[in-house]
Amino acid sequence: MPEFAVEALNIVRTFKDGEVRALDDVTLHVPRSQVFGLLGPNGSGKTTMVRILSTILVPTSGSATVNGIDVLKHPDRVRRSIGLAGQYATVDENLTGAENLRMIGSLNHLEKSFVVPRTRELLDQFGLTHAANRTVKTYSGGMRRRLDLAAALVAKPPLLFLDEPTTGLDPQSRQDLWAIIEELVEEGTTVLLTTQYLEEADRLAKQLVVLDHGKIIAEGTSQQLKTRLGNTMLVLTFLNTADAKRGEELIRDISSQTANVDGTVVEFTVDRGPAAAADALRRIDTAGITLAGLTIREPSLDDVFLSLTGHKAEDPASTDDDAFATRQTRKASS
């Protein structure tokens, strides 16, 4: 058995006759039986990478194997060994939940003797038994996403691609889906997860690669990425934006990194949290500025992403490479 579930080497993907570089020399090694996260904003190249690894798109250059199978030489074999759940549920809303899963089994040329009990098993696992015989048009958004994920698992694939699986879900539905993903990994499934939700990546992914504008800008565990920033985040809230600007100028030298100023909130990364906070308070008090609040906390992945890219993960990137890839894929399949 190959060491890695996915091995992608120097992947490049361009569009518009080379004008748009959606992926720029990306290399990935995805270990088995864990969640591997691709983190980045819209347009960073996450979806393009998933489409290449799942054989929907062909790379401009580079090579990749999935479950030890070359994606270019044997795409049919790759597709038989993976499950894929995209950003939006693709189940047929005019069929029942059970009919959708049985249809997927039929499309995968699976024996009925396997599909029927497998359908019951998945409906139970995903909490959909009570709605098995209802048409999907009556399902909530969270139920549709669970059914879509169940459909990707009908054939028991060892590798599952989840492309922003919790987009548009309410907080409880998101938590429910996270719990299901964790159960799948405990059972031995490898999950390649793309997300722009920092909390999601922090909870689920054992290893992370951060993409921005088609390039890898950081990789490691969540804790390793946070450690790059320093030990503590110092967050000061002022009464107005003028005070925030003046306060940032007064205390900017307490950190080796540039502060993030967002309206009345100023955030610094510091190595000595309590001492830095005391120093900041003295300076601000001496200047006669009143604070609305002060917080000392550990760095988050959101802090990491902001430090690396200059924008938050949920903010759209300046390019729209993944959106262009989506349009091209739809054209190819129509």
Protein backbone atom coordinates (compact mmCIF):
# COMPACT_ATOMS: atom_id res chain seq x y z
CA MET A 1 0.00 0.00 0.00
CA PRO A 2 1.40 3.46 -0.91
CA GLU A 3 2.58 5.59 1.99
CA PHE A 4 0.35 8.51 1.01
CA ALA A 5 -3.32 8.54 0.04
CA VAL A 6 -2.58 11.51 -2.23
CA GLU A 7 0.74 12.56 -3.72
CA ALA A 8 0.68 15.62 -5.98
CA LEU A 9 3.96 16.91 -7.39
CA ASN A 10 4.52 20.40 -8.83
CA ILE A 11 0.92 20.86 -9.99
CA VAL A 12 0.29 23.84 -12.27
CA ARG A 13 -3.09 24.70 -13.71
CA THR A 14 -3.71 27.69 -15.95
CA PHE A 15 -6.83 29.06 -17.63
CA LYS A 16 -7.54 31.67 -20.29
CA ASP A 17 -4.57 30.57 -22.45
CA GLY A 18 -2.20 30.82 -19.52
CA GLU A 19 -3.32 34.24 -18.32
CA VAL A 20 -4.86 32.88 -15.11
CA ARG A 21 -2.62 30.69 -12.95
CA ALA A 22 -5.03 28.92 -10.60
CA LEU A 23 -2.34 26.60 -9.19
CA ASP A 24 1.33 27.47 -9.19
CA ASP A 25 3.74 24.58 -8.50
CA VAL A 26 1.73 22.97 -5.69
CA THR A 27 3.04 19.80 -4.04
CA LEU A 28 0.98 17.80 -1.53
CA HIS A 29 1.57 14.63 0.45
CA VAL A 30 -1.61 13.45 2.22
CA PRO A 31 -1.11 10.76 4.90
CA ARG A 32 -3.69 8.03 5.33
CA SER A 33 -6.48 7.87 7.91
CA GLN A 34 -6.56 11.53 8.88
CA VAL A 35 -8.08 14.84 7.83
CA PHE A 36 -5.71 16.85 5.65
CA GLY A 37 -6.81 20.45 5.25
CA LEU A 38 -6.45 22.82 2.31
CA LEU A 39 -7.06 26.24 3.78
CA GLY A 40 -7.55 29.45 1.83
CA PRO A 41 -10.01 32.14 0.71
CA ASN A 42 -12.22 32.00 -2.36
CA GLY A 43 -10.01 31.99 -5.43
CA SER A 44 -6.97 30.51 -3.69
CA GLY A 45 -6.96 27.32 -5.79
CA LYS A 46 -8.48 24.84 -3.31
CA THR A 47 -11.36 23.71 -5.52
CA THR A 48 -9.14 23.55 -8.60
CA MET A 49 -6.82 21.18 -6.73
CA VAL A 50 -9.69 18.92 -5.69
CA ARG A 51 -10.99 18.80 -9.26
CA ILE A 52 -7.58 17.74 -10.55
CA LEU A 53 -7.17 15.03 -7.91
CA SER A 54 -10.69 13.74 -8.59
CA THR A 55 -9.99 13.69 -12.39
CA ILE A 56 -12.54 16.38 -13.26
CA LEU A 57 -9.77 18.70 -14.49
CA VAL A 58 -6.40 17.90 -16.05
CA PRO A 59 -3.32 19.75 -14.75
CA THR A 60 -1.39 21.96 -17.13
CA SER A 61 1.77 20.34 -15.77
CA GLY A 62 2.82 18.19 -12.85
CA SER A 63 1.75 14.71 -11.73
CA ALA A 64 -0.45 13.16 -9.08
CA THR A 65 -1.41 9.78 -7.68
CA VAL A 66 -4.51 8.99 -5.64
CA ASN A 67 -4.50 5.75 -3.67
CA GLY A 68 -1.36 4.91 -5.66
CA ILE A 69 -3.15 5.38 -9.01
CA ASP A 70 -1.97 7.93 -11.58
CA VAL A 71 -4.77 10.45 -12.16
CA LEU A 72 -3.77 11.03 -15.78
CA LYS A 73 -3.11 7.43 -16.85
CA HIS A 74 -5.99 5.74 -15.02
CA PRO A 75 -8.75 8.27 -14.23
CA ASP A 76 -11.46 5.58 -14.19
CA ARG A 77 -9.63 3.62 -11.52
CA VAL A 78 -9.12 6.79 -9.48
CA ARG A 79 -12.83 7.61 -9.59
CA ARG A 80 -13.71 4.11 -8.36
CA SER A 81 -11.47 4.60 -5.32
CA ILE A 82 -12.71 7.99 -4.08
CA GLY A 83 -15.78 9.80 -2.85
CA LEU A 84 -16.44 13.47 -3.63
CA ALA A 85 -18.79 15.94 -1.97
CA GLY A 86 -18.62 19.42 -3.45
CA GLN A 87 -19.58 22.83 -2.09
CA TYR A 88 -23.27 22.34 -2.82
CA ALA A 89 -25.46 19.28 -2.38
CA THR A 90 -25.94 17.52 -5.72
CA VAL A 91 -28.64 15.03 -4.74
CA ASP A 92 -31.85 14.74 -6.79
CA GLU A 93 -34.53 16.64 -4.88
CA ASN A 94 -37.35 14.76 -6.63
CA LEU A 95 -36.17 11.41 -5.26
CA THR A 96 -36.33 10.24 -1.67
CA GLY A 97 -33.22 9.99 0.44
CA ALA A 98 -33.14 6.21 0.09
CA GLU A 99 -33.72 6.40 -3.68
CA ASN A 100 -30.80 8.80 -4.05
CA LEU A 101 -28.40 6.42 -2.31
CA ARG A 102 -29.64 3.41 -4.28
CA MET A 103 -29.24 5.40 -7.50
CA ILE A 104 -25.61 6.19 -6.61
CA GLY A 105 -25.02 2.49 -5.98
CA SER A 106 -26.48 1.63 -9.37
CA LEU A 107 -24.34 4.26 -11.12
CA ASN A 108 -21.30 2.69 -9.45
CA HIS A 109 -22.33 -0.74 -10.79
CA LEU A 110 -22.61 -2.14 -7.27
CA GLU A 111 -24.60 -5.28 -6.55
CA LYS A 112 -28.12 -4.74 -5.19
CA SER A 113 -27.32 -7.16 -2.38
CA PHE A 114 -24.66 -4.65 -1.24
CA VAL A 115 -26.48 -1.41 -1.99
CA VAL A 116 -29.72 -2.12 -0.09
CA PRO A 117 -28.13 -2.79 3.33
CA ARG A 118 -25.52 -0.10 2.68
CA THR A 119 -28.31 2.42 2.09
CA ARG A 120 -29.93 1.52 5.42
CA GLU A 121 -26.55 1.73 7.16
CA LEU A 122 -25.77 5.20 5.79
CA LEU A 123 -29.22 6.61 6.48
CA ASP A 124 -28.84 5.48 10.07
CA GLN A 125 -25.26 6.78 10.38
CA PHE A 126 -26.23 10.22 9.08
CA GLY A 127 -29.41 10.52 11.13
CA LEU A 128 -31.72 10.35 8.12
CA THR A 129 -33.63 7.13 8.73
CA HIS A 130 -36.76 9.05 9.72
CA ALA A 131 -36.67 10.90 6.38
CA ALA A 132 -35.59 7.98 4.18
CA ASN A 133 -38.86 7.88 2.23
CA ARG A 134 -39.39 11.64 1.98
CA THR A 135 -38.44 13.50 -1.19
CA VAL A 136 -35.27 15.52 -0.78
CA LYS A 137 -37.10 18.75 -1.69
CA THR A 138 -38.60 18.56 1.81
CA TYR A 139 -35.16 18.30 3.49
CA SER A 140 -33.46 21.15 5.32
CA GLY A 141 -30.08 22.41 4.12
CA GLY A 142 -28.26 20.43 6.79
CA MET A 143 -30.12 17.22 5.88
CA ARG A 144 -29.25 17.68 2.21
CA ARG A 145 -25.57 18.11 3.05
CA ARG A 146 -25.63 14.95 5.18
CA LEU A 147 -27.31 13.03 2.38
CA ASP A 148 -24.77 14.36 -0.13
CA LEU A 149 -21.94 13.15 2.09
CA ALA A 150 -23.66 9.78 2.52
CA ALA A 151 -23.94 9.49 -1.27
CA ALA A 152 -20.17 9.99 -1.56
CA LEU A 153 -19.68 7.02 0.77
CA VAL A 154 -21.99 4.43 -0.79
CA ALA A 155 -19.08 2.52 -2.34
CA LYS A 156 -17.00 2.69 0.88
CA PRO A 157 -14.13 4.68 -0.70
CA PRO A 158 -10.88 4.80 1.28
CA LEU A 159 -10.43 8.48 0.32
CA LEU A 160 -13.03 11.22 0.57
CA PHE A 161 -12.72 14.70 -0.96
CA LEU A 162 -14.79 17.30 0.87
CA ASP A 163 -14.82 20.66 -0.90
CA GLU A 164 -16.10 23.23 1.62
CA PRO A 165 -18.73 20.79 2.91
CA THR A 166 -20.27 23.13 5.50
CA THR A 167 -20.77 26.17 3.27
CA GLY A 168 -24.11 27.78 4.05
CA LEU A 169 -24.93 25.55 7.04
CA ASP A 170 -26.17 26.85 10.36
CA PRO A 171 -23.84 26.37 13.37
CA GLN A 172 -25.60 23.24 14.69
CA SER A 173 -25.64 21.52 11.27
CA ARG A 174 -21.96 22.37 10.89
CA GLN A 175 -21.17 20.80 14.26
CA ASP A 176 -23.16 17.68 13.33
CA LEU A 177 -21.24 17.28 10.08
CA TRP A 178 -17.91 17.74 11.86
CA ALA A 179 -18.81 14.90 14.24
CA ILE A 180 -19.62 12.63 11.29
CA ILE A 181 -16.30 13.45 9.59
CA GLU A 182 -14.43 12.62 12.80
CA GLU A 183 -16.22 9.26 13.00
CA LEU A 184 -15.24 8.45 9.40
CA VAL A 185 -11.57 9.11 10.14
CA GLU A 186 -11.73 6.93 13.26
CA GLU A 187 -12.97 4.14 10.99
CA GLY A 188 -9.94 4.57 8.69
CA THR A 189 -11.17 6.94 5.97
CA THR A 190 -8.74 9.55 4.66
CA VAL A 191 -10.34 12.97 4.18
CA LEU A 192 -8.95 15.80 2.09
CA LEU A 193 -10.88 18.83 3.28
CA THR A 194 -10.96 22.27 1.70
CA THR A 195 -12.31 25.07 3.82
CA GLN A 196 -12.17 28.79 4.44
CA TYR A 197 -13.52 28.35 7.97
CA LEU A 198 -10.63 28.63 10.41
CA GLU A 199 -12.54 26.96 13.25
CA GLU A 200 -13.28 24.00 10.98
CA ALA A 201 -9.63 23.54 10.00
CA ASP A 202 -8.50 23.93 13.60
CA ARG A 203 -10.86 21.23 14.85
CA LEU A 204 -10.65 18.65 12.07
CA ALA A 205 -7.33 18.84 10.22
CA LYS A 206 -4.22 17.11 11.55
CA GLN A 207 -2.09 18.66 8.82
CA LEU A 208 -2.74 21.93 7.00
CA VAL A 209 -1.59 23.58 3.80
CA VAL A 210 -2.46 27.24 3.36
CA LEU A 211 -3.05 28.36 -0.23
CA ASP A 212 -3.27 31.91 -1.49
CA HIS A 213 -3.39 32.93 -5.17
CA GLY A 214 -2.54 29.37 -6.20
CA LYS A 215 0.63 29.08 -4.11
CA ILE A 216 1.41 27.29 -0.88
CA ILE A 217 2.28 30.00 1.63
CA ALA A 218 2.48 27.85 4.78
CA GLU A 219 2.08 24.26 5.94
CA GLY A 220 2.20 22.28 9.16
CA THR A 221 -0.05 21.43 12.07
CA SER A 222 -2.47 24.01 13.42
CA GLN A 223 -0.27 24.53 16.47
CA GLN A 224 2.89 24.88 14.36
CA LEU A 225 1.25 27.60 12.29
CA LYS A 226 0.06 29.44 15.38
CA THR A 227 3.52 29.24 16.94
CA ARG A 228 4.91 31.21 14.00
CA LEU A 229 3.05 34.27 15.27
CA GLY A 230 4.29 34.30 18.85
CA ASN A 231 2.81 33.39 22.17
CA THR A 232 0.00 35.90 22.69
CA MET A 233 -2.45 38.18 20.94
CA LEU A 234 -3.05 41.54 22.59
CA VAL A 235 -6.41 43.02 21.55
CA LEU A 236 -7.27 46.62 22.47
CA THR A 237 -10.67 48.18 21.82
CA PHE A 238 -10.92 51.98 21.72
CA LEU A 239 -13.95 54.27 21.90
CA ASN A 240 -13.45 55.63 18.38
CA THR A 241 -11.29 55.16 15.29
CA ALA A 242 -9.22 58.29 15.96
CA ASP A 243 -8.20 56.97 19.37
CA ALA A 244 -7.46 53.57 17.83
CA LYS A 245 -5.11 55.11 15.27
CA ARG A 246 -3.36 57.22 17.91
CA GLY A 247 -3.15 54.28 20.32
CA GLU A 248 -1.60 52.03 17.66
CA GLU A 249 1.07 54.65 17.00
CA LEU A 250 1.88 54.89 20.71
CA ILE A 251 2.41 51.16 21.25
CA ARG A 252 3.44 49.77 17.86
CA ASP A 253 7.01 49.13 19.04
CA ILE A 254 5.90 46.55 21.63
CA SER A 255 5.60 44.01 18.81
CA SER A 256 7.98 42.97 16.05
CA GLN A 257 4.99 42.54 13.70
CA THR A 258 2.65 45.14 12.22
CA ALA A 259 -0.61 45.60 14.12
CA ASN A 260 -3.96 44.82 12.58
CA VAL A 261 -6.28 47.80 12.91
CA ASP A 262 -9.97 47.17 12.23
CA GLY A 263 -12.06 50.21 13.08
CA THR A 264 -11.79 50.70 16.83
CA VAL A 265 -9.94 47.39 17.42
CA VAL A 266 -6.15 47.07 17.39
CA GLU A 267 -4.49 43.63 17.54
CA PHE A 268 -0.81 42.93 18.25
CA THR A 269 1.18 39.72 18.39
CA VAL A 270 3.48 39.80 21.43
CA ASP A 271 5.84 37.36 23.12
CA ARG A 272 5.24 38.53 26.71
CA GLY A 273 1.51 39.01 27.03
CA PRO A 274 1.04 40.35 30.59
CA ALA A 275 4.14 42.56 30.47
CA ALA A 276 3.22 43.92 27.03
CA ALA A 277 -0.35 44.59 28.17
CA ALA A 278 0.88 46.51 31.23
CA ASP A 279 3.27 48.55 29.07
CA ALA A 280 0.49 49.34 26.58
CA LEU A 281 -1.89 50.41 29.33
CA ARG A 282 0.68 52.77 30.86
CA ARG A 283 1.36 54.49 27.55
CA ILE A 284 -2.31 54.84 26.65
CA ASP A 285 -3.22 56.13 30.11
CA THR A 286 -0.38 58.68 30.04
CA ALA A 287 -1.70 59.94 26.70
CA GLY A 288 -5.15 60.42 28.22
CA ILE A 289 -6.86 57.87 25.96
CA THR A 290 -9.74 55.81 27.36
CA LEU A 291 -9.93 52.12 26.47
CA ALA A 292 -13.23 50.30 25.95
CA GLY A 293 -11.59 46.91 26.48
CA LEU A 294 -8.39 44.86 26.54
CA THR A 295 -7.98 41.12 25.94
CA ILE A 296 -5.01 38.76 26.05
CA ARG A 297 -5.56 35.51 24.14
CA GLU A 298 -3.78 32.74 22.31
CA PRO A 299 -3.30 33.13 18.52
CA SER A 300 -5.92 31.56 16.26
CA LEU A 301 -5.67 30.27 12.71
CA ASP A 302 -7.48 33.45 11.67
CA ASP A 303 -4.57 35.44 13.12
CA VAL A 304 -2.15 33.22 11.21
CA PHE A 305 -3.98 33.72 7.93
CA LEU A 306 -4.24 37.46 8.40
CA SER A 307 -0.52 37.63 9.14
CA LEU A 308 0.38 35.54 6.08
CA THR A 309 -1.91 37.11 3.51
CA GLY A 310 -3.01 40.50 4.80
CA HIS A 311 -6.69 39.50 4.66
CA LYS A 312 -9.01 37.17 6.54
CA ALA A 313 -9.69 33.69 5.20
CA GLU A 314 -13.36 34.39 4.51
CA ASP A 315 -12.54 37.48 2.45
CA PRO A 316 -12.48 36.91 -1.32
CA ALA A 317 -9.06 36.88 -2.94
CA SER A 318 -8.33 39.37 -5.69
CA THR A 319 -8.43 36.62 -8.32
CA ASP A 320 -11.37 34.40 -9.14
CA ASP A 321 -9.51 31.33 -10.34
CA ASP A 322 -11.74 28.76 -8.62
CA ALA A 323 -14.87 30.41 -10.00
CA PHE A 324 -13.37 30.25 -13.48
CA ALA A 325 -12.51 26.58 -12.90
CA THR A 326 -16.12 25.94 -11.91
CA ARG A 327 -17.42 27.49 -15.13
CA GLN A 328 -14.95 25.49 -17.22
CA THR A 329 -15.94 22.25 -15.48
CA ARG A 330 -19.63 22.88 -16.14
CA LYS A 331 -18.88 23.53 -19.81
CA ALA A 332 -16.89 20.32 -20.05
CA SER A 333 -19.68 18.25 -18.51
CA SER A 334 -22.52 19.81 -20.53
